[in-house]
Amino acid sequence: MHHARKPGDVHPLFVAAFNAGDLDALMQCFEPEACFVSKSGRVAAGAEAVREAYRRTLANKPHMDLEVRKVLPAGPGLALVIVPFTQKAATPDGPMEWRSVATDIVRQQPDGSWRLVLDNPFGIE
C-alpha cells in the first residue's frame, strides 16, 4: 500500500482503490475515526461505518474521475482538500452518473502519511 506523503496525495490513492473495487486499500485512505457524509446528510462515523457505506457503493462497480483542485492548509498537519469528481455506476435502476465537489479534511498521521478525517463528497450541496 502506498502512503500519501502530502495532503494532495490522498485522493489519487483513494480513486485508484475505488475504481479497482479494493475496499481494503480504500480504507487505508481513512483514519480509524473518520466520518463519511452521505448525500442525505447522514454521517457514518468510524472505520466500520465508513467501510459499510463504501461496501454498498462498490457493489455497483462504480468508476470515478476526480481532480484535486485545491489544498488549503489549516495549520500543522491538517488541510481542506477541494475535489471535483464525476462518478458513474450501473445500478439496478439503470446507469447513473453524478458530479459534485467534495470538501474533504485530511490529517497527517504520526508516521508522516496523510489520511481522510472527513469525507464530504457532496461538499456544499
N, C-alpha and C. Protein backbone atom coordinates (compact mmCIF):
# COMPACT_ATOMS: atom_id res chain seq x y z
N MET A 1 0.85 -1.20 0.00
CA MET A 1 0.00 0.00 0.00
C MET A 1 0.88 1.24 0.00
N HIS A 2 0.62 2.12 -0.93
CA HIS A 2 1.33 3.40 -0.97
C HIS A 2 0.71 4.31 0.08
N HIS A 3 1.51 5.22 0.59
CA HIS A 3 1.00 6.17 1.57
C HIS A 3 1.06 7.57 1.00
N ALA A 4 0.08 8.37 1.36
CA ALA A 4 0.05 9.76 0.93
C ALA A 4 1.11 10.53 1.71
N ARG A 5 2.04 11.12 1.02
CA ARG A 5 3.14 11.84 1.66
C ARG A 5 2.84 13.32 1.82
N LYS A 6 1.80 13.81 1.11
CA LYS A 6 1.36 15.19 1.30
C LYS A 6 -0.16 15.22 1.16
N PRO A 7 -0.79 16.30 1.60
CA PRO A 7 -2.27 16.31 1.63
C PRO A 7 -2.92 16.02 0.29
N GLY A 8 -2.34 16.50 -0.81
CA GLY A 8 -2.93 16.29 -2.12
C GLY A 8 -2.74 14.89 -2.68
N ASP A 9 -1.99 14.05 -1.96
CA ASP A 9 -1.74 12.68 -2.43
C ASP A 9 -2.84 11.69 -2.03
N VAL A 10 -3.69 12.05 -1.09
CA VAL A 10 -4.69 11.10 -0.57
C VAL A 10 -5.69 10.71 -1.66
N HIS A 11 -6.21 11.67 -2.39
CA HIS A 11 -7.28 11.39 -3.34
C HIS A 11 -6.85 10.57 -4.56
N PRO A 12 -5.65 10.75 -5.10
CA PRO A 12 -5.23 9.83 -6.17
C PRO A 12 -5.17 8.37 -5.69
N LEU A 13 -4.73 8.14 -4.45
CA LEU A 13 -4.73 6.78 -3.90
C LEU A 13 -6.17 6.29 -3.71
N PHE A 14 -7.02 7.19 -3.22
CA PHE A 14 -8.43 6.87 -2.98
C PHE A 14 -9.11 6.44 -4.28
N VAL A 15 -8.94 7.22 -5.35
CA VAL A 15 -9.65 6.92 -6.60
C VAL A 15 -9.12 5.64 -7.24
N ALA A 16 -7.83 5.38 -7.10
CA ALA A 16 -7.27 4.13 -7.64
C ALA A 16 -7.89 2.93 -6.94
N ALA A 17 -8.01 2.98 -5.62
CA ALA A 17 -8.63 1.89 -4.86
C ALA A 17 -10.11 1.78 -5.17
N PHE A 18 -10.79 2.92 -5.26
CA PHE A 18 -12.23 2.97 -5.56
C PHE A 18 -12.51 2.31 -6.91
N ASN A 19 -11.77 2.71 -7.93
CA ASN A 19 -12.01 2.19 -9.28
C ASN A 19 -11.62 0.73 -9.41
N ALA A 20 -10.71 0.27 -8.55
CA ALA A 20 -10.32 -1.15 -8.54
C ALA A 20 -11.31 -1.99 -7.72
N GLY A 21 -12.22 -1.33 -7.01
CA GLY A 21 -13.15 -2.04 -6.13
C GLY A 21 -12.45 -2.65 -4.94
N ASP A 22 -11.31 -2.09 -4.55
CA ASP A 22 -10.48 -2.63 -3.46
C ASP A 22 -10.82 -1.93 -2.15
N LEU A 23 -11.76 -2.51 -1.41
CA LEU A 23 -12.24 -1.90 -0.18
C LEU A 23 -11.14 -1.77 0.87
N ASP A 24 -10.27 -2.76 0.98
CA ASP A 24 -9.19 -2.69 1.98
C ASP A 24 -8.24 -1.53 1.67
N ALA A 25 -7.85 -1.40 0.40
CA ALA A 25 -6.96 -0.30 0.02
C ALA A 25 -7.67 1.04 0.20
N LEU A 26 -8.96 1.08 -0.10
CA LEU A 26 -9.73 2.30 0.09
C LEU A 26 -9.71 2.73 1.55
N MET A 27 -9.90 1.77 2.44
CA MET A 27 -9.94 2.08 3.87
C MET A 27 -8.59 2.55 4.41
N GLN A 28 -7.51 2.22 3.70
CA GLN A 28 -6.19 2.72 4.11
C GLN A 28 -6.09 4.23 3.92
N CYS A 29 -7.01 4.82 3.18
CA CYS A 29 -7.02 6.26 2.96
C CYS A 29 -7.69 7.01 4.11
N PHE A 30 -8.30 6.27 5.04
CA PHE A 30 -9.07 6.87 6.13
C PHE A 30 -8.42 6.65 7.49
N GLU A 31 -8.58 7.64 8.37
CA GLU A 31 -8.25 7.44 9.78
C GLU A 31 -9.26 6.48 10.39
N PRO A 32 -8.89 5.81 11.51
CA PRO A 32 -9.84 4.90 12.16
C PRO A 32 -11.12 5.58 12.62
N GLU A 33 -11.05 6.86 12.96
CA GLU A 33 -12.23 7.58 13.45
C GLU A 33 -12.85 8.48 12.38
N ALA A 34 -12.54 8.22 11.13
CA ALA A 34 -13.02 9.08 10.05
C ALA A 34 -14.55 9.06 9.94
N CYS A 35 -15.07 10.09 9.28
CA CYS A 35 -16.51 10.20 9.03
C CYS A 35 -16.76 10.37 7.54
N PHE A 36 -17.87 9.80 7.08
CA PHE A 36 -18.34 9.93 5.71
C PHE A 36 -19.74 10.53 5.77
N VAL A 37 -19.99 11.57 4.97
CA VAL A 37 -21.30 12.23 4.95
C VAL A 37 -22.00 11.86 3.65
N SER A 38 -23.16 11.21 3.76
CA SER A 38 -23.90 10.82 2.56
C SER A 38 -24.69 12.01 2.02
N LYS A 39 -25.24 11.85 0.83
CA LYS A 39 -25.99 12.95 0.21
C LYS A 39 -27.19 13.35 1.07
N SER A 40 -27.74 12.40 1.79
CA SER A 40 -28.89 12.70 2.66
C SER A 40 -28.47 13.49 3.90
N GLY A 41 -27.15 13.59 4.12
CA GLY A 41 -26.66 14.30 5.30
C GLY A 41 -26.35 13.36 6.46
N ARG A 42 -26.66 12.07 6.29
CA ARG A 42 -26.36 11.10 7.34
C ARG A 42 -24.85 10.92 7.45
N VAL A 43 -24.36 10.86 8.69
CA VAL A 43 -22.93 10.72 8.92
C VAL A 43 -22.61 9.29 9.36
N ALA A 44 -21.71 8.65 8.61
CA ALA A 44 -21.17 7.35 9.02
C ALA A 44 -19.88 7.66 9.77
N ALA A 45 -19.86 7.35 11.06
CA ALA A 45 -18.71 7.70 11.90
C ALA A 45 -17.94 6.46 12.31
N GLY A 46 -16.64 6.50 12.09
CA GLY A 46 -15.77 5.39 12.46
C GLY A 46 -15.54 4.45 11.29
N ALA A 47 -14.43 3.73 11.33
CA ALA A 47 -13.98 2.91 10.21
C ALA A 47 -15.02 1.88 9.79
N GLU A 48 -15.69 1.23 10.73
CA GLU A 48 -16.65 0.18 10.36
C GLU A 48 -17.84 0.76 9.60
N ALA A 49 -18.33 1.91 10.05
CA ALA A 49 -19.47 2.55 9.38
C ALA A 49 -19.06 3.06 7.99
N VAL A 50 -17.86 3.63 7.88
CA VAL A 50 -17.36 4.10 6.59
C VAL A 50 -17.17 2.91 5.65
N ARG A 51 -16.60 1.83 6.17
CA ARG A 51 -16.39 0.62 5.36
C ARG A 51 -17.73 0.10 4.82
N GLU A 52 -18.75 0.07 5.65
CA GLU A 52 -20.06 -0.42 5.21
C GLU A 52 -20.65 0.49 4.14
N ALA A 53 -20.51 1.80 4.29
CA ALA A 53 -21.02 2.74 3.29
C ALA A 53 -20.34 2.48 1.94
N TYR A 54 -19.04 2.30 1.96
CA TYR A 54 -18.32 2.05 0.71
C TYR A 54 -18.51 0.64 0.19
N ARG A 55 -18.75 -0.32 1.06
CA ARG A 55 -19.04 -1.68 0.59
C ARG A 55 -20.29 -1.66 -0.29
N ARG A 56 -21.31 -0.95 0.16
CA ARG A 56 -22.54 -0.84 -0.62
C ARG A 56 -22.29 -0.10 -1.94
N THR A 57 -21.52 0.98 -1.88
CA THR A 57 -21.22 1.75 -3.09
C THR A 57 -20.46 0.91 -4.10
N LEU A 58 -19.43 0.20 -3.65
CA LEU A 58 -18.59 -0.58 -4.56
C LEU A 58 -19.31 -1.77 -5.16
N ALA A 59 -20.41 -2.20 -4.56
CA ALA A 59 -21.19 -3.33 -5.09
C ALA A 59 -21.69 -3.04 -6.51
N ASN A 60 -21.88 -1.77 -6.84
CA ASN A 60 -22.34 -1.38 -8.18
C ASN A 60 -21.19 -1.17 -9.16
N LYS A 61 -19.97 -1.53 -8.74
CA LYS A 61 -18.76 -1.40 -9.59
C LYS A 61 -18.67 -0.01 -10.23
N PRO A 62 -18.68 1.02 -9.40
CA PRO A 62 -18.64 2.38 -9.95
C PRO A 62 -17.26 2.76 -10.47
N HIS A 63 -17.25 3.82 -11.24
CA HIS A 63 -15.99 4.41 -11.73
C HIS A 63 -16.01 5.90 -11.40
N MET A 64 -14.89 6.41 -10.90
CA MET A 64 -14.81 7.81 -10.53
C MET A 64 -13.63 8.47 -11.22
N ASP A 65 -13.85 9.69 -11.67
CA ASP A 65 -12.78 10.56 -12.14
C ASP A 65 -12.78 11.76 -11.21
N LEU A 66 -11.59 12.18 -10.78
CA LEU A 66 -11.53 13.33 -9.88
C LEU A 66 -10.32 14.19 -10.18
N GLU A 67 -10.36 15.37 -9.63
CA GLU A 67 -9.27 16.34 -9.76
C GLU A 67 -9.05 16.95 -8.39
N VAL A 68 -7.81 16.97 -7.93
CA VAL A 68 -7.51 17.69 -6.68
C VAL A 68 -7.35 19.15 -7.08
N ARG A 69 -8.41 19.92 -6.87
CA ARG A 69 -8.43 21.30 -7.36
C ARG A 69 -7.65 22.23 -6.45
N LYS A 70 -7.81 22.05 -5.13
CA LYS A 70 -7.18 22.99 -4.20
C LYS A 70 -6.90 22.29 -2.89
N VAL A 71 -5.74 22.58 -2.32
CA VAL A 71 -5.38 22.08 -0.99
C VAL A 71 -5.15 23.31 -0.12
N LEU A 72 -5.97 23.45 0.92
CA LEU A 72 -5.87 24.60 1.82
C LEU A 72 -5.33 24.14 3.16
N PRO A 73 -4.06 24.45 3.48
CA PRO A 73 -3.51 24.07 4.78
C PRO A 73 -4.30 24.76 5.89
N ALA A 74 -4.57 24.01 6.94
CA ALA A 74 -5.35 24.54 8.07
C ALA A 74 -4.54 24.39 9.36
N GLY A 75 -3.29 24.77 9.30
CA GLY A 75 -2.42 24.62 10.46
C GLY A 75 -1.59 23.36 10.31
N PRO A 76 -0.71 23.12 11.25
CA PRO A 76 0.17 21.94 11.15
C PRO A 76 -0.63 20.64 11.09
N GLY A 77 -0.37 19.86 10.05
CA GLY A 77 -0.95 18.53 9.98
C GLY A 77 -2.41 18.43 9.65
N LEU A 78 -3.01 19.51 9.12
CA LEU A 78 -4.43 19.49 8.79
C LEU A 78 -4.65 20.28 7.51
N ALA A 79 -5.52 19.79 6.63
CA ALA A 79 -5.79 20.51 5.38
C ALA A 79 -7.20 20.22 4.89
N LEU A 80 -7.76 21.20 4.17
CA LEU A 80 -9.02 21.05 3.47
C LEU A 80 -8.67 20.81 2.00
N VAL A 81 -9.26 19.77 1.40
CA VAL A 81 -8.98 19.44 0.02
C VAL A 81 -10.28 19.55 -0.78
N ILE A 82 -10.24 20.35 -1.85
CA ILE A 82 -11.41 20.57 -2.72
C ILE A 82 -11.24 19.67 -3.94
N VAL A 83 -12.21 18.78 -4.16
CA VAL A 83 -12.05 17.73 -5.16
C VAL A 83 -13.31 17.59 -6.03
N PRO A 84 -13.35 18.24 -7.20
CA PRO A 84 -14.44 17.97 -8.13
C PRO A 84 -14.33 16.53 -8.64
N PHE A 85 -15.49 15.86 -8.76
CA PHE A 85 -15.46 14.49 -9.25
C PHE A 85 -16.71 14.15 -10.04
N THR A 86 -16.56 13.11 -10.86
CA THR A 86 -17.68 12.51 -11.58
C THR A 86 -17.69 11.03 -11.24
N GLN A 87 -18.85 10.50 -10.94
CA GLN A 87 -18.96 9.07 -10.63
C GLN A 87 -20.04 8.45 -11.51
N LYS A 88 -19.72 7.28 -12.07
CA LYS A 88 -20.67 6.54 -12.89
C LYS A 88 -20.83 5.16 -12.29
N ALA A 89 -22.05 4.64 -12.37
CA ALA A 89 -22.30 3.29 -11.87
C ALA A 89 -23.49 2.68 -12.60
N ALA A 90 -23.45 1.36 -12.73
CA ALA A 90 -24.60 0.62 -13.24
C ALA A 90 -25.38 0.16 -12.02
N THR A 91 -26.56 0.70 -11.83
CA THR A 91 -27.37 0.35 -10.66
C THR A 91 -28.55 -0.51 -11.11
N PRO A 92 -29.27 -1.11 -10.16
CA PRO A 92 -30.48 -1.87 -10.53
C PRO A 92 -31.51 -1.03 -11.29
N ASP A 93 -31.44 0.30 -11.09
CA ASP A 93 -32.36 1.20 -11.79
C ASP A 93 -31.80 1.71 -13.12
N GLY A 94 -30.65 1.19 -13.52
CA GLY A 94 -30.03 1.62 -14.77
C GLY A 94 -28.77 2.43 -14.51
N PRO A 95 -28.09 2.87 -15.58
CA PRO A 95 -26.85 3.62 -15.42
C PRO A 95 -27.10 4.96 -14.73
N MET A 96 -26.20 5.32 -13.86
CA MET A 96 -26.31 6.60 -13.17
C MET A 96 -24.97 7.32 -13.29
N GLU A 97 -25.04 8.63 -13.34
CA GLU A 97 -23.84 9.46 -13.34
C GLU A 97 -24.13 10.69 -12.51
N TRP A 98 -23.19 11.08 -11.67
CA TRP A 98 -23.36 12.31 -10.94
C TRP A 98 -22.03 12.99 -10.76
N ARG A 99 -22.14 14.30 -10.55
CA ARG A 99 -20.96 15.15 -10.36
C ARG A 99 -21.16 15.94 -9.09
N SER A 100 -20.06 16.19 -8.42
CA SER A 100 -20.12 17.02 -7.22
C SER A 100 -18.73 17.57 -6.96
N VAL A 101 -18.62 18.35 -5.91
CA VAL A 101 -17.32 18.85 -5.47
C VAL A 101 -17.18 18.47 -4.00
N ALA A 102 -16.29 17.51 -3.74
CA ALA A 102 -16.05 17.08 -2.36
C ALA A 102 -15.26 18.16 -1.62
N THR A 103 -15.61 18.34 -0.36
CA THR A 103 -14.84 19.20 0.54
C THR A 103 -14.39 18.29 1.68
N ASP A 104 -13.18 17.81 1.57
CA ASP A 104 -12.67 16.78 2.48
C ASP A 104 -11.57 17.33 3.39
N ILE A 105 -11.49 16.78 4.58
CA ILE A 105 -10.43 17.15 5.52
C ILE A 105 -9.48 15.97 5.64
N VAL A 106 -8.18 16.27 5.49
CA VAL A 106 -7.14 15.25 5.67
C VAL A 106 -6.23 15.68 6.81
N ARG A 107 -5.66 14.66 7.49
CA ARG A 107 -4.79 14.94 8.63
C ARG A 107 -3.52 14.11 8.52
N GLN A 108 -2.42 14.72 8.93
CA GLN A 108 -1.15 13.99 8.94
C GLN A 108 -1.12 13.04 10.12
N GLN A 109 -0.64 11.83 9.85
CA GLN A 109 -0.57 10.77 10.85
C GLN A 109 0.80 10.78 11.53
N PRO A 110 0.91 10.09 12.68
CA PRO A 110 2.21 10.05 13.37
C PRO A 110 3.36 9.55 12.50
N ASP A 111 3.06 8.69 11.51
CA ASP A 111 4.13 8.18 10.64
C ASP A 111 4.45 9.13 9.48
N GLY A 112 3.79 10.29 9.44
CA GLY A 112 4.05 11.28 8.40
C GLY A 112 3.11 11.20 7.22
N SER A 113 2.35 10.10 7.09
CA SER A 113 1.40 9.97 5.98
C SER A 113 0.16 10.81 6.26
N TRP A 114 -0.66 10.97 5.24
CA TRP A 114 -1.92 11.74 5.35
C TRP A 114 -3.09 10.81 5.08
N ARG A 115 -4.18 11.03 5.84
CA ARG A 115 -5.40 10.24 5.66
C ARG A 115 -6.63 11.13 5.80
N LEU A 116 -7.72 10.63 5.25
CA LEU A 116 -9.00 11.35 5.36
C LEU A 116 -9.55 11.29 6.78
N VAL A 117 -9.98 12.44 7.27
CA VAL A 117 -10.68 12.55 8.55
C VAL A 117 -12.18 12.70 8.27
N LEU A 118 -12.50 13.54 7.27
CA LEU A 118 -13.88 13.80 6.90
C LEU A 118 -14.01 13.68 5.39
N ASP A 119 -14.82 12.74 4.95
CA ASP A 119 -15.11 12.54 3.54
C ASP A 119 -16.50 13.11 3.29
N ASN A 120 -16.54 14.29 2.66
CA ASN A 120 -17.78 15.01 2.44
C ASN A 120 -18.00 15.18 0.93
N PRO A 121 -18.41 14.08 0.24
CA PRO A 121 -18.44 14.10 -1.22
C PRO A 121 -19.41 15.09 -1.83
N PHE A 122 -20.43 15.48 -1.08
CA PHE A 122 -21.41 16.40 -1.66
C PHE A 122 -21.19 17.84 -1.21
N GLY A 123 -20.01 18.05 -0.61
CA GLY A 123 -19.49 19.39 -0.37
C GLY A 123 -20.49 20.40 0.12
N ILE A 124 -20.82 21.35 -0.76
CA ILE A 124 -21.66 22.47 -0.37
C ILE A 124 -23.13 22.25 -0.73
N GLU A 125 -23.46 21.05 -1.22
CA GLU A 125 -24.87 20.78 -1.58
C GLU A 125 -25.72 20.60 -0.34
